[in-house]
N, C-alpha and C. Protein backbone atom coordinates (compact mmCIF):
# COMPACT_ATOMS: atom_id res chain seq x y z
N MET A 1 0.84 -1.18 0.00
CA MET A 1 0.00 0.00 0.00
C MET A 1 0.88 1.25 0.00
N LYS A 2 0.50 2.24 -0.80
CA LYS A 2 1.22 3.51 -0.82
C LYS A 2 1.10 4.17 0.55
N PRO A 3 2.18 4.83 1.02
CA PRO A 3 2.10 5.51 2.31
C PRO A 3 1.13 6.68 2.32
N TYR A 4 0.87 7.26 1.16
CA TYR A 4 -0.04 8.39 1.07
C TYR A 4 -1.03 8.11 -0.06
N PRO A 5 -2.02 7.24 0.20
CA PRO A 5 -2.89 6.76 -0.87
C PRO A 5 -3.78 7.82 -1.50
N ASN A 6 -4.00 8.94 -0.86
CA ASN A 6 -4.92 9.95 -1.39
C ASN A 6 -4.24 10.99 -2.26
N VAL A 7 -2.96 10.80 -2.56
CA VAL A 7 -2.23 11.75 -3.37
C VAL A 7 -1.94 11.10 -4.72
N ARG A 8 -2.19 11.84 -5.79
CA ARG A 8 -1.89 11.31 -7.11
C ARG A 8 -1.27 12.43 -7.95
N VAL A 9 -0.55 12.02 -8.97
CA VAL A 9 0.07 12.98 -9.88
C VAL A 9 -0.61 12.83 -11.23
N GLY A 10 -1.15 13.92 -11.73
CA GLY A 10 -1.86 13.89 -13.00
C GLY A 10 -0.92 13.86 -14.18
N ILE A 11 -1.48 13.66 -15.35
CA ILE A 11 -0.70 13.59 -16.57
C ILE A 11 0.05 14.89 -16.85
N ASP A 12 -0.48 15.99 -16.34
CA ASP A 12 0.17 17.29 -16.51
C ASP A 12 1.28 17.53 -15.49
N GLY A 13 1.50 16.56 -14.60
CA GLY A 13 2.54 16.69 -13.59
C GLY A 13 2.07 17.36 -12.32
N ALA A 14 0.81 17.76 -12.27
CA ALA A 14 0.29 18.41 -11.07
C ALA A 14 -0.02 17.36 -10.02
N VAL A 15 0.30 17.69 -8.79
CA VAL A 15 0.03 16.81 -7.67
C VAL A 15 -1.33 17.16 -7.12
N ARG A 16 -2.15 16.15 -6.90
CA ARG A 16 -3.49 16.39 -6.41
C ARG A 16 -3.79 15.51 -5.21
N GLY A 17 -4.43 16.12 -4.24
CA GLY A 17 -4.94 15.39 -3.09
C GLY A 17 -6.40 15.06 -3.33
N PRO A 18 -7.09 14.55 -2.32
CA PRO A 18 -8.46 14.13 -2.51
C PRO A 18 -9.43 15.25 -2.85
N HIS A 19 -9.10 16.50 -2.51
CA HIS A 19 -10.04 17.60 -2.73
C HIS A 19 -9.48 18.70 -3.60
N SER A 20 -8.39 18.43 -4.28
CA SER A 20 -7.78 19.51 -5.06
C SER A 20 -8.19 19.42 -6.52
N GLY A 21 -8.14 20.55 -7.16
CA GLY A 21 -8.40 20.59 -8.60
C GLY A 21 -7.09 20.59 -9.34
N ARG A 22 -7.08 21.22 -10.49
CA ARG A 22 -5.84 21.28 -11.27
C ARG A 22 -4.86 22.23 -10.59
N GLY A 23 -3.65 21.79 -10.46
CA GLY A 23 -2.63 22.63 -9.85
C GLY A 23 -1.53 22.93 -10.84
N ARG A 24 -0.67 23.84 -10.50
CA ARG A 24 0.46 24.09 -11.38
C ARG A 24 1.46 22.96 -11.20
N LYS A 25 2.31 22.77 -12.15
CA LYS A 25 3.22 21.64 -12.15
C LYS A 25 4.06 21.62 -10.88
N GLY A 26 4.09 20.44 -10.22
CA GLY A 26 4.96 20.24 -9.07
C GLY A 26 4.37 20.67 -7.75
N THR A 27 3.20 21.23 -7.74
CA THR A 27 2.63 21.64 -6.48
C THR A 27 1.12 21.49 -6.50
N ASP A 28 0.54 21.25 -5.37
CA ASP A 28 -0.90 21.15 -5.25
C ASP A 28 -1.49 22.56 -5.36
N VAL A 29 -2.77 22.64 -5.59
CA VAL A 29 -3.44 23.94 -5.72
C VAL A 29 -3.19 24.79 -4.48
N ASP A 30 -3.21 24.16 -3.32
CA ASP A 30 -3.04 24.91 -2.08
C ASP A 30 -1.57 25.02 -1.67
N GLY A 31 -0.66 24.62 -2.55
CA GLY A 31 0.76 24.77 -2.27
C GLY A 31 1.30 23.83 -1.21
N THR A 32 0.73 22.64 -1.08
CA THR A 32 1.13 21.75 0.00
C THR A 32 2.32 20.87 -0.34
N HIS A 33 2.73 20.79 -1.59
CA HIS A 33 3.85 19.93 -1.95
C HIS A 33 5.08 20.75 -2.31
N MET A 34 6.23 20.23 -1.89
CA MET A 34 7.51 20.90 -2.12
C MET A 34 8.46 19.92 -2.77
N GLN A 35 9.33 20.43 -3.60
CA GLN A 35 10.38 19.59 -4.15
C GLN A 35 11.51 19.48 -3.14
N ILE A 36 12.41 18.55 -3.37
CA ILE A 36 13.44 18.21 -2.40
C ILE A 36 14.34 19.40 -2.07
N GLY A 37 14.59 20.29 -3.03
CA GLY A 37 15.44 21.46 -2.77
C GLY A 37 14.85 22.37 -1.72
N GLU A 38 13.55 22.61 -1.80
CA GLU A 38 12.89 23.45 -0.80
C GLU A 38 12.90 22.77 0.57
N VAL A 39 12.69 21.46 0.57
CA VAL A 39 12.71 20.71 1.83
C VAL A 39 14.11 20.78 2.44
N ALA A 40 15.13 20.64 1.61
CA ALA A 40 16.51 20.73 2.09
C ALA A 40 16.77 22.10 2.71
N ALA A 41 16.32 23.15 2.06
CA ALA A 41 16.51 24.50 2.60
C ALA A 41 15.77 24.67 3.92
N ARG A 42 14.57 24.17 4.01
CA ARG A 42 13.77 24.34 5.23
C ARG A 42 14.31 23.52 6.39
N THR A 43 14.87 22.35 6.11
CA THR A 43 15.35 21.47 7.19
C THR A 43 16.83 21.63 7.46
N GLU A 44 17.53 22.37 6.59
CA GLU A 44 18.98 22.52 6.67
C GLU A 44 19.68 21.17 6.57
N LEU A 45 19.10 20.27 5.79
CA LEU A 45 19.71 18.98 5.47
C LEU A 45 20.12 19.00 4.01
N SER A 46 21.17 18.28 3.67
CA SER A 46 21.58 18.23 2.27
C SER A 46 20.63 17.33 1.48
N LEU A 47 20.63 17.51 0.17
CA LEU A 47 19.82 16.64 -0.69
C LEU A 47 20.23 15.19 -0.49
N ARG A 48 21.54 14.96 -0.40
CA ARG A 48 22.05 13.60 -0.22
C ARG A 48 21.56 13.01 1.09
N THR A 49 21.54 13.80 2.15
CA THR A 49 21.08 13.31 3.45
C THR A 49 19.60 12.93 3.39
N ILE A 50 18.80 13.77 2.75
CA ILE A 50 17.37 13.45 2.62
C ILE A 50 17.20 12.17 1.82
N ARG A 51 17.95 12.03 0.74
CA ARG A 51 17.87 10.79 -0.06
C ARG A 51 18.31 9.58 0.77
N HIS A 52 19.35 9.77 1.58
CA HIS A 52 19.82 8.68 2.45
C HIS A 52 18.72 8.26 3.42
N TYR A 53 18.06 9.22 4.03
CA TYR A 53 16.96 8.89 4.95
C TYR A 53 15.81 8.21 4.21
N GLU A 54 15.61 8.58 2.96
CA GLU A 54 14.60 7.90 2.15
C GLU A 54 15.01 6.44 1.90
N GLU A 55 16.28 6.23 1.51
CA GLU A 55 16.78 4.89 1.27
C GLU A 55 16.72 4.03 2.52
N ALA A 56 16.91 4.66 3.69
CA ALA A 56 16.86 3.94 4.97
C ALA A 56 15.42 3.69 5.42
N GLY A 57 14.45 4.23 4.70
CA GLY A 57 13.05 4.02 5.05
C GLY A 57 12.52 4.92 6.15
N LEU A 58 13.23 5.99 6.44
CA LEU A 58 12.80 6.90 7.51
C LEU A 58 11.79 7.93 7.02
N VAL A 59 11.86 8.25 5.76
CA VAL A 59 10.92 9.21 5.17
C VAL A 59 10.62 8.74 3.75
N VAL A 60 9.38 8.94 3.35
CA VAL A 60 8.96 8.57 2.00
C VAL A 60 8.31 9.81 1.39
N PRO A 61 8.78 10.23 0.21
CA PRO A 61 8.11 11.38 -0.41
C PRO A 61 6.62 11.09 -0.56
N SER A 62 5.81 12.10 -0.34
CA SER A 62 4.36 11.92 -0.43
C SER A 62 3.92 11.59 -1.84
N ALA A 63 4.68 12.06 -2.81
CA ALA A 63 4.33 11.82 -4.21
C ALA A 63 5.56 12.07 -5.06
N ARG A 64 5.41 11.79 -6.33
CA ARG A 64 6.43 12.13 -7.31
C ARG A 64 5.74 12.83 -8.46
N SER A 65 6.44 13.78 -9.02
CA SER A 65 5.89 14.47 -10.18
C SER A 65 5.99 13.54 -11.38
N GLN A 66 5.35 13.93 -12.48
CA GLN A 66 5.42 13.13 -13.69
C GLN A 66 6.88 12.98 -14.13
N GLY A 67 7.68 13.98 -13.87
CA GLY A 67 9.10 13.93 -14.21
C GLY A 67 9.94 13.15 -13.21
N GLY A 68 9.32 12.62 -12.18
CA GLY A 68 10.04 11.81 -11.20
C GLY A 68 10.60 12.57 -10.02
N PHE A 69 10.32 13.86 -9.93
CA PHE A 69 10.82 14.64 -8.80
C PHE A 69 10.10 14.22 -7.52
N ARG A 70 10.87 14.12 -6.44
CA ARG A 70 10.29 13.82 -5.13
C ARG A 70 9.47 15.02 -4.68
N LEU A 71 8.29 14.74 -4.15
CA LEU A 71 7.41 15.80 -3.65
C LEU A 71 7.06 15.50 -2.21
N TYR A 72 7.22 16.51 -1.36
CA TYR A 72 7.05 16.35 0.07
C TYR A 72 5.96 17.28 0.59
N THR A 73 5.38 16.90 1.72
CA THR A 73 4.38 17.72 2.39
C THR A 73 4.97 18.29 3.68
N GLU A 74 4.21 19.13 4.32
CA GLU A 74 4.62 19.68 5.62
C GLU A 74 4.86 18.55 6.62
N ARG A 75 4.04 17.52 6.58
CA ARG A 75 4.21 16.37 7.48
C ARG A 75 5.57 15.69 7.24
N ASP A 76 5.98 15.58 5.98
CA ASP A 76 7.29 15.01 5.67
C ASP A 76 8.41 15.87 6.24
N VAL A 77 8.25 17.19 6.14
CA VAL A 77 9.25 18.11 6.69
C VAL A 77 9.33 17.93 8.21
N GLU A 78 8.20 17.83 8.87
CA GLU A 78 8.19 17.62 10.32
C GLU A 78 8.91 16.32 10.68
N ARG A 79 8.69 15.28 9.90
CA ARG A 79 9.35 13.99 10.13
C ARG A 79 10.87 14.14 9.99
N LEU A 80 11.31 14.85 8.95
CA LEU A 80 12.74 15.08 8.76
C LEU A 80 13.32 15.89 9.91
N MET A 81 12.56 16.82 10.45
CA MET A 81 13.04 17.61 11.59
C MET A 81 13.22 16.73 12.83
N VAL A 82 12.34 15.77 13.03
CA VAL A 82 12.51 14.82 14.15
C VAL A 82 13.83 14.07 13.96
N ILE A 83 14.06 13.58 12.76
CA ILE A 83 15.29 12.85 12.46
C ILE A 83 16.49 13.75 12.68
N ARG A 84 16.41 14.98 12.18
CA ARG A 84 17.52 15.93 12.33
C ARG A 84 17.84 16.20 13.80
N ARG A 85 16.82 16.26 14.62
CA ARG A 85 17.04 16.51 16.05
C ARG A 85 17.59 15.29 16.77
N MET A 86 17.27 14.11 16.29
CA MET A 86 17.75 12.88 16.93
C MET A 86 19.22 12.61 16.62
N LYS A 87 19.65 12.97 15.42
CA LYS A 87 21.00 12.65 14.96
C LYS A 87 22.10 13.16 15.90
N PRO A 88 22.12 14.44 16.28
CA PRO A 88 23.20 14.90 17.15
C PRO A 88 23.14 14.34 18.56
N LEU A 89 22.03 13.74 18.91
CA LEU A 89 21.92 13.11 20.23
C LEU A 89 22.40 11.67 20.21
N GLY A 90 22.87 11.22 19.06
CA GLY A 90 23.49 9.91 18.96
C GLY A 90 22.54 8.75 18.71
N PHE A 91 21.30 9.03 18.34
CA PHE A 91 20.37 7.95 18.05
C PHE A 91 20.73 7.33 16.70
N SER A 92 20.65 6.01 16.63
CA SER A 92 20.94 5.28 15.39
C SER A 92 19.74 5.35 14.44
N LEU A 93 19.97 4.96 13.20
CA LEU A 93 18.87 4.92 12.23
C LEU A 93 17.77 3.96 12.69
N ASP A 94 18.17 2.83 13.27
CA ASP A 94 17.17 1.88 13.78
C ASP A 94 16.35 2.49 14.91
N GLU A 95 17.01 3.24 15.78
CA GLU A 95 16.28 3.89 16.87
C GLU A 95 15.34 4.97 16.33
N MET A 96 15.81 5.71 15.33
CA MET A 96 14.95 6.71 14.70
C MET A 96 13.72 6.03 14.10
N ARG A 97 13.96 4.91 13.43
CA ARG A 97 12.87 4.16 12.81
C ARG A 97 11.87 3.71 13.88
N GLU A 98 12.38 3.24 15.01
CA GLU A 98 11.52 2.77 16.11
C GLU A 98 10.65 3.90 16.66
N LEU A 99 11.26 5.05 16.90
CA LEU A 99 10.49 6.18 17.42
C LEU A 99 9.46 6.66 16.40
N LEU A 100 9.86 6.77 15.15
CA LEU A 100 8.93 7.22 14.12
C LEU A 100 7.76 6.24 13.96
N ALA A 101 8.04 4.95 14.06
CA ALA A 101 6.96 3.96 13.97
C ALA A 101 5.99 4.13 15.13
N ALA A 102 6.54 4.38 16.32
CA ALA A 102 5.68 4.58 17.49
C ALA A 102 4.83 5.84 17.35
N THR A 103 5.44 6.92 16.91
CA THR A 103 4.66 8.17 16.78
C THR A 103 3.66 8.07 15.64
N ASP A 104 4.03 7.37 14.56
CA ASP A 104 3.07 7.16 13.46
C ASP A 104 1.86 6.37 13.96
N ALA A 105 2.13 5.32 14.73
CA ALA A 105 1.03 4.50 15.26
C ALA A 105 0.15 5.32 16.20
N LEU A 106 0.77 6.17 17.01
CA LEU A 106 -0.02 7.02 17.92
C LEU A 106 -0.85 8.04 17.14
N ASP A 107 -0.30 8.54 16.03
CA ASP A 107 -1.03 9.51 15.22
C ASP A 107 -2.26 8.90 14.55
N THR A 108 -2.20 7.60 14.32
CA THR A 108 -3.34 6.90 13.69
C THR A 108 -3.87 5.86 14.67
N SER A 109 -4.11 6.28 15.89
CA SER A 109 -4.41 5.36 16.99
C SER A 109 -5.83 4.84 17.04
N ALA A 110 -6.61 5.03 16.00
CA ALA A 110 -8.02 4.63 16.03
C ALA A 110 -8.21 3.16 16.37
N GLY A 111 -7.37 2.27 15.85
CA GLY A 111 -7.56 0.84 16.08
C GLY A 111 -6.73 0.26 17.21
N LEU A 112 -6.10 1.10 18.01
CA LEU A 112 -5.23 0.61 19.08
C LEU A 112 -6.03 0.28 20.33
N THR A 113 -5.59 -0.79 21.00
CA THR A 113 -6.16 -1.08 22.32
C THR A 113 -5.47 -0.17 23.33
N GLY A 114 -6.01 -0.11 24.51
CA GLY A 114 -5.39 0.69 25.57
C GLY A 114 -3.99 0.23 25.88
N ASP A 115 -3.78 -1.10 25.90
CA ASP A 115 -2.45 -1.64 26.18
C ASP A 115 -1.46 -1.29 25.07
N GLU A 116 -1.91 -1.36 23.82
CA GLU A 116 -1.04 -1.01 22.70
C GLU A 116 -0.65 0.46 22.77
N ARG A 117 -1.61 1.30 23.06
CA ARG A 117 -1.35 2.74 23.19
C ARG A 117 -0.38 3.00 24.34
N ASP A 118 -0.58 2.34 25.47
CA ASP A 118 0.32 2.50 26.61
C ASP A 118 1.74 2.07 26.26
N ALA A 119 1.87 0.97 25.51
CA ALA A 119 3.20 0.49 25.12
C ALA A 119 3.89 1.49 24.20
N LEU A 120 3.13 2.07 23.28
CA LEU A 120 3.70 3.08 22.38
C LEU A 120 4.12 4.33 23.15
N LEU A 121 3.28 4.75 24.08
CA LEU A 121 3.63 5.91 24.90
C LEU A 121 4.87 5.63 25.74
N GLU A 122 5.01 4.41 26.22
CA GLU A 122 6.19 4.03 26.99
C GLU A 122 7.44 4.09 26.11
N THR A 123 7.31 3.68 24.86
CA THR A 123 8.43 3.78 23.92
C THR A 123 8.85 5.24 23.75
N VAL A 124 7.88 6.11 23.52
CA VAL A 124 8.17 7.54 23.35
C VAL A 124 8.78 8.09 24.63
N ARG A 125 8.25 7.70 25.77
CA ARG A 125 8.77 8.15 27.07
C ARG A 125 10.23 7.73 27.24
N GLY A 126 10.56 6.53 26.81
CA GLY A 126 11.94 6.05 26.89
C GLY A 126 12.88 6.90 26.05
N PHE A 127 12.43 7.28 24.86
CA PHE A 127 13.25 8.15 24.01
C PHE A 127 13.40 9.53 24.64
N GLU A 128 12.34 10.04 25.25
CA GLU A 128 12.41 11.35 25.91
C GLU A 128 13.41 11.30 27.06
N THR A 129 13.40 10.22 27.82
CA THR A 129 14.34 10.06 28.94
C THR A 129 15.78 10.03 28.43
N ARG A 130 16.01 9.28 27.35
CA ARG A 130 17.36 9.19 26.79
C ARG A 130 17.80 10.54 26.22
N ALA A 131 16.89 11.26 25.59
CA ALA A 131 17.23 12.58 25.05
C ALA A 131 17.60 13.53 26.18
N ALA A 132 16.84 13.51 27.27
CA ALA A 132 17.13 14.38 28.41
C ALA A 132 18.49 14.05 29.01
N ALA A 133 18.82 12.76 29.10
CA ALA A 133 20.13 12.36 29.64
C ALA A 133 21.25 12.84 28.73
N LYS A 134 21.06 12.73 27.43
CA LYS A 134 22.08 13.18 26.48
C LYS A 134 22.25 14.70 26.55
N ILE A 135 21.15 15.42 26.72
CA ILE A 135 21.22 16.88 26.87
C ILE A 135 22.07 17.23 28.08
N GLU A 136 21.88 16.52 29.17
CA GLU A 136 22.67 16.79 30.37
C GLU A 136 24.15 16.50 30.12
N GLU A 137 24.45 15.41 29.42
CA GLU A 137 25.85 15.10 29.07
C GLU A 137 26.45 16.23 28.23
N LEU A 138 25.68 16.73 27.29
CA LEU A 138 26.17 17.81 26.43
C LEU A 138 26.38 19.10 27.21
N ARG A 139 25.53 19.36 28.20
CA ARG A 139 25.72 20.55 29.05
C ARG A 139 27.03 20.46 29.82
N VAL A 140 27.34 19.28 30.33
CA VAL A 140 28.60 19.08 31.05
C VAL A 140 29.77 19.31 30.10
N GLN A 141 29.70 18.74 28.90
CA GLN A 141 30.77 18.93 27.92
C GLN A 141 30.92 20.40 27.55
N LEU A 142 29.81 21.09 27.36
CA LEU A 142 29.85 22.51 27.02
C LEU A 142 30.49 23.32 28.15
N SER A 143 30.14 23.01 29.37
CA SER A 143 30.72 23.71 30.52
C SER A 143 32.23 23.51 30.57
N ARG A 144 32.67 22.28 30.33
CA ARG A 144 34.11 22.01 30.33
C ARG A 144 34.81 22.75 29.19
N ALA A 145 34.16 22.80 28.03
CA ALA A 145 34.74 23.51 26.89
C ALA A 145 34.84 25.01 27.19
N GLU A 146 33.80 25.57 27.82
CA GLU A 146 33.83 26.99 28.19
C GLU A 146 34.93 27.26 29.20
N ASP A 147 35.10 26.37 30.18
CA ASP A 147 36.18 26.51 31.16
C ASP A 147 37.54 26.48 30.47
N PHE A 148 37.71 25.57 29.53
CA PHE A 148 38.96 25.45 28.80
C PHE A 148 39.24 26.72 28.00
N ALA A 149 38.24 27.23 27.30
CA ALA A 149 38.41 28.45 26.52
C ALA A 149 38.75 29.63 27.43
N ALA A 150 38.12 29.69 28.60
CA ALA A 150 38.42 30.77 29.56
C ALA A 150 39.85 30.66 30.06
N THR A 151 40.32 29.45 30.29
CA THR A 151 41.70 29.24 30.71
C THR A 151 42.66 29.75 29.63
N LEU A 152 42.36 29.45 28.39
CA LEU A 152 43.22 29.91 27.29
C LEU A 152 43.19 31.43 27.16
N ARG A 153 41.99 32.02 27.29
CA ARG A 153 41.89 33.49 27.23
C ARG A 153 42.69 34.12 28.37
N SER A 154 42.59 33.53 29.53
CA SER A 154 43.33 34.04 30.69
C SER A 154 44.83 33.98 30.43
N ARG A 155 45.26 32.89 29.87
CA ARG A 155 46.67 32.70 29.57
C ARG A 155 47.15 33.75 28.55
N LEU A 156 46.33 33.98 27.55
CA LEU A 156 46.69 34.97 26.54
C LEU A 156 46.71 36.38 27.13
N GLY A 157 45.82 36.64 28.07
CA GLY A 157 45.75 37.95 28.70
C GLY A 157 46.90 38.19 29.66
N ASP A 158 47.48 37.12 30.24
CA ASP A 158 48.54 37.26 31.24
C ASP A 158 49.83 37.79 30.65
N ASP A 159 50.25 37.23 29.50
CA ASP A 159 51.53 37.71 28.99
C ASP A 159 51.46 38.22 27.56
N GLY A 160 50.27 38.25 27.00
CA GLY A 160 50.07 38.86 25.69
C GLY A 160 50.66 38.10 24.53
N ALA A 161 51.73 37.37 24.75
CA ALA A 161 52.39 36.66 23.66
C ALA A 161 51.90 35.23 23.57
N GLY A 162 51.28 34.72 24.62
CA GLY A 162 50.79 33.36 24.61
C GLY A 162 51.85 32.34 24.95
N THR A 163 53.04 32.79 25.43
CA THR A 163 54.10 31.84 25.79
C THR A 163 54.44 31.93 27.24
């Protein structure tokens, strides 16, 4: 099944959702689709990185134009931002996939039992706990780096020549 079954690309290359009419090439009438370059600019990720995340199964373009261009929605951009925020905290691609699967399931929670929902929330809670711990580690590292830089500035200020 397509991840976004209600999106189609017409013969003219216009992307259409379930309620849209004819759009200009590469974008829906309401401007909801973006090409990869715009997504890269908005997320501050390289084109190659976005393609890598696509190959890894972390993000799937919502549609493709008739010319084969990847087309993304605001939801896709939000997903890439989650990935972008996880990367510097040291989460692996598998961990990113796990969190995204949990949040996707929670977003479409209509068929979930209470226990399934609780398990998904526990997964998200675990990631939040790990992120908070990593933030604390980074604060300690930053403090040490600031102390080191202050020591060097002090040394430079003491004799001006740095020796």
